[in-house]
Amino acid sequence: MFKEARSDSLFDWGMVGDISQGRPNLGPSMDVSMYRLMQFTLRDVMIQRLGVAATDELFFKAGEVAGREFCKNFVDKRWDFTMFIKRTKELLEQLKVGMLRVEAADLERMHLTLTIAEDLDCSGLPVCDETICVYDEGFLSGLLGEYTGRPFVAKEVDCWCSGDRVCRFQITPAGD
């Protein structure tokens, strides 16, 4: 399940486990600082071993797998785009990931500008003149790709860490 060599993702939602059985007292919630502790120490070690570019590539890819799996498990692909965005926004807020908003949408070309406020990954971090939400870029790419059946690329253009108060993503079909 976790130690065999492979070239393709074997992730299955069952790997999340039965949280109600495994955490009958603590439940499904945890402090954001503990999530960030795992994410940023993992990132730190990966950068030391692999470099920034390879680490970003892996975080993007992991986010992309997560976005596809999120779509497969929480989204009804029969929803029209408006319902897809509405339900995804509700789910991300319910799961306390962030507050999604569509800032601009050219649905003919499928060019989108989405923002996430109170983003799990970065909101409240010190300003460092960087956009850091590479995992979120992958997540949004995978989510939209799975929903539409075609590949997308999300690029963060503003971030809490770059001095904005929301994370802003430009999303386009791959190859545009």
C-alpha atoms as a PDB file:
ATOM      1  CA  MET A   1       0.000   0.000   0.000  1.00  0.00           C
ATOM      2  CA  PHE A   2       2.729   2.523   0.863  1.00  0.00           C
ATOM      3  CA  LYS A   3       6.088   0.838   0.277  1.00  0.00           C
ATOM      4  CA  GLU A   4       5.870  -0.772  -3.163  1.00  0.00           C
ATOM      5  CA  ALA A   5       7.652   0.881  -6.087  1.00  0.00           C
ATOM      6  CA  ARG A   6       5.352   2.253  -8.786  1.00  0.00           C
ATOM      7  CA  SER A   7       5.197   4.770 -11.595  1.00  0.00           C
ATOM      8  CA  ASP A   8       1.446   5.474 -11.436  1.00  0.00           C
ATOM      9  CA  SER A   9      -0.645   6.698  -8.534  1.00  0.00           C
ATOM     10  CA  LEU A  10      -2.315   3.934  -6.560  1.00  0.00           C
ATOM     11  CA  PHE A  11      -4.126   6.333  -4.284  1.00  0.00           C
ATOM     12  CA  ASP A  12      -7.550   5.106  -3.302  1.00  0.00           C
ATOM     13  CA  TRP A  13     -10.004   6.991  -1.086  1.00  0.00           C
ATOM     14  CA  GLY A  14      -9.938   3.973   1.246  1.00  0.00           C
ATOM     15  CA  MET A  15      -6.420   5.049   2.239  1.00  0.00           C
ATOM     16  CA  VAL A  16      -8.044   7.919   4.148  1.00  0.00           C
ATOM     17  CA  GLY A  17      -9.458   5.237   6.448  1.00  0.00           C
ATOM     18  CA  ASP A  18     -12.465   5.202   8.748  1.00  0.00           C
ATOM     19  CA  ILE A  19     -11.764   8.328  10.783  1.00  0.00           C
ATOM     20  CA  SER A  20     -14.811   7.893  13.039  1.00  0.00           C
ATOM     21  CA  GLN A  21     -13.537   4.440  14.035  1.00  0.00           C
ATOM     22  CA  GLY A  22      -9.887   5.413  14.342  1.00  0.00           C
ATOM     23  CA  ARG A  23     -10.472   8.722  16.151  1.00  0.00           C
ATOM     24  CA  PRO A  24     -13.648   8.204  18.201  1.00  0.00           C
ATOM     25  CA  ASN A  25     -12.618  10.860  20.740  1.00  0.00           C
ATOM     26  CA  LEU A  26     -10.617  13.371  18.711  1.00  0.00           C
ATOM     27  CA  GLY A  27     -12.739  13.252  15.551  1.00  0.00           C
ATOM     28  CA  PRO A  28     -11.832  14.494  12.064  1.00  0.00           C
ATOM     29  CA  SER A  29     -10.583  17.986  12.956  1.00  0.00           C
ATOM     30  CA  MET A  30      -7.089  19.146  13.851  1.00  0.00           C
ATOM     31  CA  ASP A  31      -5.287  22.422  14.325  1.00  0.00           C
ATOM     32  CA  VAL A  32      -4.054  24.123  11.133  1.00  0.00           C
ATOM     33  CA  SER A  33      -0.603  24.561  12.712  1.00  0.00           C
ATOM     34  CA  MET A  34      -0.159  20.771  12.783  1.00  0.00           C
ATOM     35  CA  TYR A  35      -1.078  20.463   9.101  1.00  0.00           C
ATOM     36  CA  ARG A  36       1.397  23.226   8.267  1.00  0.00           C
ATOM     37  CA  LEU A  37       4.055  21.630  10.462  1.00  0.00           C
ATOM     38  CA  MET A  38       3.792  18.439   8.375  1.00  0.00           C
ATOM     39  CA  GLN A  39       3.631  20.264   5.052  1.00  0.00           C
ATOM     40  CA  PHE A  40       6.465  22.716   5.628  1.00  0.00           C
ATOM     41  CA  THR A  41       8.872  20.280   7.292  1.00  0.00           C
ATOM     42  CA  LEU A  42       8.256  17.827   4.442  1.00  0.00           C
ATOM     43  CA  ARG A  43       8.854  20.653   1.945  1.00  0.00           C
ATOM     44  CA  ASP A  44      12.008  21.714   3.780  1.00  0.00           C
ATOM     45  CA  VAL A  45      13.523  18.210   3.702  1.00  0.00           C
ATOM     46  CA  MET A  46      12.536  17.742   0.060  1.00  0.00           C
ATOM     47  CA  ILE A  47      14.140  21.056  -0.954  1.00  0.00           C
ATOM     48  CA  GLN A  48      17.350  20.034   0.845  1.00  0.00           C
ATOM     49  CA  ARG A  49      17.421  16.678  -0.972  1.00  0.00           C
ATOM     50  CA  LEU A  50      15.851  17.460  -4.345  1.00  0.00           C
ATOM     51  CA  GLY A  51      15.968  21.230  -4.853  1.00  0.00           C
ATOM     52  CA  VAL A  52      13.162  23.748  -5.220  1.00  0.00           C
ATOM     53  CA  ALA A  53      12.064  22.866  -8.768  1.00  0.00           C
ATOM     54  CA  ALA A  54      11.724  19.137  -8.100  1.00  0.00           C
ATOM     55  CA  THR A  55       9.932  19.793  -4.808  1.00  0.00           C
ATOM     56  CA  ASP A  56       7.477  22.155  -6.487  1.00  0.00           C
ATOM     57  CA  GLU A  57       6.880  19.597  -9.225  1.00  0.00           C
ATOM     58  CA  LEU A  58       6.100  16.896  -6.651  1.00  0.00           C
ATOM     59  CA  PHE A  59       3.818  19.152  -4.605  1.00  0.00           C
ATOM     60  CA  PHE A  60       1.954  20.175  -7.780  1.00  0.00           C
ATOM     61  CA  LYS A  61       1.586  16.529  -8.837  1.00  0.00           C
ATOM     62  CA  ALA A  62       0.364  15.486  -5.371  1.00  0.00           C
ATOM     63  CA  GLY A  63      -2.154  18.336  -5.423  1.00  0.00           C
ATOM     64  CA  GLU A  64      -3.285  17.262  -8.881  1.00  0.00           C
ATOM     65  CA  VAL A  65      -3.918  13.692  -7.689  1.00  0.00           C
ATOM     66  CA  ALA A  66      -5.769  15.078  -4.659  1.00  0.00           C
ATOM     67  CA  GLY A  67      -7.920  17.346  -6.850  1.00  0.00           C
ATOM     68  CA  ARG A  68      -8.894  14.442  -9.102  1.00  0.00           C
ATOM     69  CA  GLU A  69      -9.712  12.232  -6.114  1.00  0.00           C
ATOM     70  CA  PHE A  70     -11.676  15.031  -4.446  1.00  0.00           C
ATOM     71  CA  CYS A  71     -13.721  15.380  -7.641  1.00  0.00           C
ATOM     72  CA  LYS A  72     -14.308  11.631  -7.911  1.00  0.00           C
ATOM     73  CA  ASN A  73     -15.527  11.420  -4.300  1.00  0.00           C
ATOM     74  CA  PHE A  74     -17.385  14.689  -3.732  1.00  0.00           C
ATOM     75  CA  VAL A  75     -18.505  16.006  -7.132  1.00  0.00           C
ATOM     76  CA  ASP A  76     -21.284  14.828  -9.414  1.00  0.00           C
ATOM     77  CA  LYS A  77     -19.888  15.309 -12.919  1.00  0.00           C
ATOM     78  CA  ARG A  78     -23.446  15.715 -14.227  1.00  0.00           C
ATOM     79  CA  TRP A  79     -23.695  19.072 -12.456  1.00  0.00           C
ATOM     80  CA  ASP A  80     -23.575  22.094 -14.727  1.00  0.00           C
ATOM     81  CA  PHE A  81     -20.612  24.396 -14.164  1.00  0.00           C
ATOM     82  CA  THR A  82     -22.527  26.778 -11.894  1.00  0.00           C
ATOM     83  CA  MET A  83     -23.585  23.923  -9.604  1.00  0.00           C
ATOM     84  CA  PHE A  84     -20.058  22.473  -9.712  1.00  0.00           C
ATOM     85  CA  ILE A  85     -18.595  25.770  -8.457  1.00  0.00           C
ATOM     86  CA  LYS A  86     -21.374  26.284  -5.885  1.00  0.00           C
ATOM     87  CA  ARG A  87     -21.013  22.795  -4.369  1.00  0.00           C
ATOM     88  CA  THR A  88     -17.198  22.881  -4.488  1.00  0.00           C
ATOM     89  CA  LYS A  89     -17.254  26.236  -2.673  1.00  0.00           C
ATOM     90  CA  GLU A  90     -19.574  24.782  -0.020  1.00  0.00           C
ATOM     91  CA  LEU A  91     -17.457  21.652   0.391  1.00  0.00           C
ATOM     92  CA  LEU A  92     -14.167  23.534   0.699  1.00  0.00           C
ATOM     93  CA  GLU A  93     -15.704  25.758   3.378  1.00  0.00           C
ATOM     94  CA  GLN A  94     -17.323  22.818   5.186  1.00  0.00           C
ATOM     95  CA  LEU A  95     -13.982  20.995   5.189  1.00  0.00           C
ATOM     96  CA  LYS A  96     -12.278  24.242   6.306  1.00  0.00           C
ATOM     97  CA  VAL A  97      -9.855  24.265   3.377  1.00  0.00           C
ATOM     98  CA  GLY A  98     -10.660  27.823   2.301  1.00  0.00           C
ATOM     99  CA  MET A  99     -13.288  30.106   0.855  1.00  0.00           C
ATOM    100  CA  LEU A 100     -13.493  29.777  -2.934  1.00  0.00           C
ATOM    101  CA  ARG A 101     -14.727  32.597  -5.153  1.00  0.00           C
ATOM    102  CA  VAL A 102     -14.920  33.009  -8.918  1.00  0.00           C
ATOM    103  CA  GLU A 103     -13.421  36.377  -9.745  1.00  0.00           C
ATOM    104  CA  ALA A 104     -13.631  36.045 -13.544  1.00  0.00           C
ATOM    105  CA  ALA A 105     -14.807  33.347 -15.919  1.00  0.00           C
ATOM    106  CA  ASP A 106     -14.686  33.035 -19.691  1.00  0.00           C
ATOM    107  CA  LEU A 107     -16.619  29.776 -19.951  1.00  0.00           C
ATOM    108  CA  GLU A 108     -16.300  29.612 -23.727  1.00  0.00           C
ATOM    109  CA  ARG A 109     -12.509  29.388 -23.480  1.00  0.00           C
ATOM    110  CA  MET A 110     -12.575  27.981 -19.906  1.00  0.00           C
ATOM    111  CA  HIS A 111     -10.249  30.688 -18.637  1.00  0.00           C
ATOM    112  CA  LEU A 112     -10.923  31.256 -14.946  1.00  0.00           C
ATOM    113  CA  THR A 113      -9.647  33.445 -12.165  1.00  0.00           C
ATOM    114  CA  LEU A 114     -10.432  31.886  -8.789  1.00  0.00           C
ATOM    115  CA  THR A 115      -9.552  33.159  -5.349  1.00  0.00           C
ATOM    116  CA  ILE A 116      -9.269  31.266  -2.088  1.00  0.00           C
ATOM    117  CA  ALA A 117      -9.541  33.290   1.103  1.00  0.00           C
ATOM    118  CA  GLU A 118      -8.373  31.910   4.452  1.00  0.00           C
ATOM    119  CA  ASP A 119      -6.362  29.332   2.535  1.00  0.00           C
ATOM    120  CA  LEU A 120      -5.261  26.360   4.622  1.00  0.00           C
ATOM    121  CA  ASP A 121      -1.699  26.514   3.291  1.00  0.00           C
ATOM    122  CA  CYS A 122      -0.708  30.133   3.735  1.00  0.00           C
ATOM    123  CA  SER A 123      -3.207  32.559   5.285  1.00  0.00           C
ATOM    124  CA  GLY A 124      -1.535  34.271   8.220  1.00  0.00           C
ATOM    125  CA  LEU A 125       2.053  33.507   7.198  1.00  0.00           C
ATOM    126  CA  PRO A 126       4.571  36.359   7.008  1.00  0.00           C
ATOM    127  CA  VAL A 127       4.908  38.216   3.711  1.00  0.00           C
ATOM    128  CA  CYS A 128       7.914  36.845   1.808  1.00  0.00           C
ATOM    129  CA  ASP A 129       7.341  38.144  -1.749  1.00  0.00           C
ATOM    130  CA  GLU A 130       6.633  34.612  -3.005  1.00  0.00           C
ATOM    131  CA  THR A 131       3.581  32.694  -4.103  1.00  0.00           C
ATOM    132  CA  ILE A 132       3.793  29.390  -2.237  1.00  0.00           C
ATOM    133  CA  CYS A 133       0.570  27.475  -2.919  1.00  0.00           C
ATOM    134  CA  VAL A 134       1.964  24.983  -5.441  1.00  0.00           C
ATOM    135  CA  TYR A 135      -0.107  22.144  -3.942  1.00  0.00           C
ATOM    136  CA  ASP A 136      -3.249  24.267  -4.465  1.00  0.00           C
ATOM    137  CA  GLU A 137      -2.243  24.880  -8.096  1.00  0.00           C
ATOM    138  CA  GLY A 138      -2.150  21.135  -8.606  1.00  0.00           C
ATOM    139  CA  PHE A 139      -5.380  20.604  -6.674  1.00  0.00           C
ATOM    140  CA  LEU A 140      -7.321  23.088  -8.824  1.00  0.00           C
ATOM    141  CA  SER A 141      -5.762  21.670 -12.022  1.00  0.00           C
ATOM    142  CA  GLY A 142      -6.741  18.127 -11.050  1.00  0.00           C
ATOM    143  CA  LEU A 143     -10.210  19.113  -9.852  1.00  0.00           C
ATOM    144  CA  LEU A 144     -11.121  20.951 -13.065  1.00  0.00           C
ATOM    145  CA  GLY A 145      -9.421  18.337 -15.223  1.00  0.00           C
ATOM    146  CA  GLU A 146     -11.388  15.508 -13.649  1.00  0.00           C
ATOM    147  CA  TYR A 147     -14.657  17.453 -13.807  1.00  0.00           C
ATOM    148  CA  THR A 148     -14.288  18.458 -17.476  1.00  0.00           C
ATOM    149  CA  GLY A 149     -12.320  15.475 -18.794  1.00  0.00           C
ATOM    150  CA  ARG A 150      -9.541  17.682 -20.170  1.00  0.00           C
ATOM    151  CA  PRO A 151      -6.263  18.861 -18.625  1.00  0.00           C
ATOM    152  CA  PHE A 152      -5.958  22.253 -16.956  1.00  0.00           C
ATOM    153  CA  VAL A 153      -3.123  24.301 -15.554  1.00  0.00           C
ATOM    154  CA  ALA A 154      -3.625  26.561 -12.540  1.00  0.00           C
ATOM    155  CA  LYS A 155      -1.004  29.177 -11.733  1.00  0.00           C
ATOM    156  CA  GLU A 156      -1.032  31.210  -8.527  1.00  0.00           C
ATOM    157  CA  VAL A 157      -0.575  34.894  -9.350  1.00  0.00           C
ATOM    158  CA  ASP A 158      -1.241  36.400  -5.898  1.00  0.00           C
ATOM    159  CA  CYS A 159      -0.786  34.869  -2.461  1.00  0.00           C
ATOM    160  CA  TRP A 160      -1.090  35.848   1.177  1.00  0.00           C
ATOM    161  CA  CYS A 161       2.703  35.429   1.261  1.00  0.00           C
ATOM    162  CA  SER A 162       3.195  37.850  -1.643  1.00  0.00           C
ATOM    163  CA  GLY A 163       1.240  40.480   0.272  1.00  0.00           C
ATOM    164  CA  ASP A 164      -2.314  39.848  -0.948  1.00  0.00           C
ATOM    165  CA  ARG A 165      -5.068  38.709   1.397  1.00  0.00           C
ATOM    166  CA  VAL A 166      -6.364  35.968  -0.895  1.00  0.00           C
ATOM    167  CA  CYS A 167      -4.684  33.409  -3.100  1.00  0.00           C
ATOM    168  CA  ARG A 168      -5.544  34.122  -6.733  1.00  0.00           C
ATOM    169  CA  PHE A 169      -5.220  31.508  -9.448  1.00  0.00           C
ATOM    170  CA  GLN A 170      -5.323  31.897 -13.242  1.00  0.00           C
ATOM    171  CA  ILE A 171      -6.636  28.638 -14.690  1.00  0.00           C
ATOM    172  CA  THR A 172      -6.568  27.701 -18.359  1.00  0.00           C
ATOM    173  CA  PRO A 173      -6.823  24.525 -20.400  1.00  0.00           C
ATOM    174  CA  ALA A 174      -3.375  22.924 -20.823  1.00  0.00           C
ATOM    175  CA  GLY A 175      -1.741  24.107 -24.023  1.00  0.00           C
ATOM    176  CA  ASP A 176      -3.442  27.531 -24.071  1.00  0.00           C
END
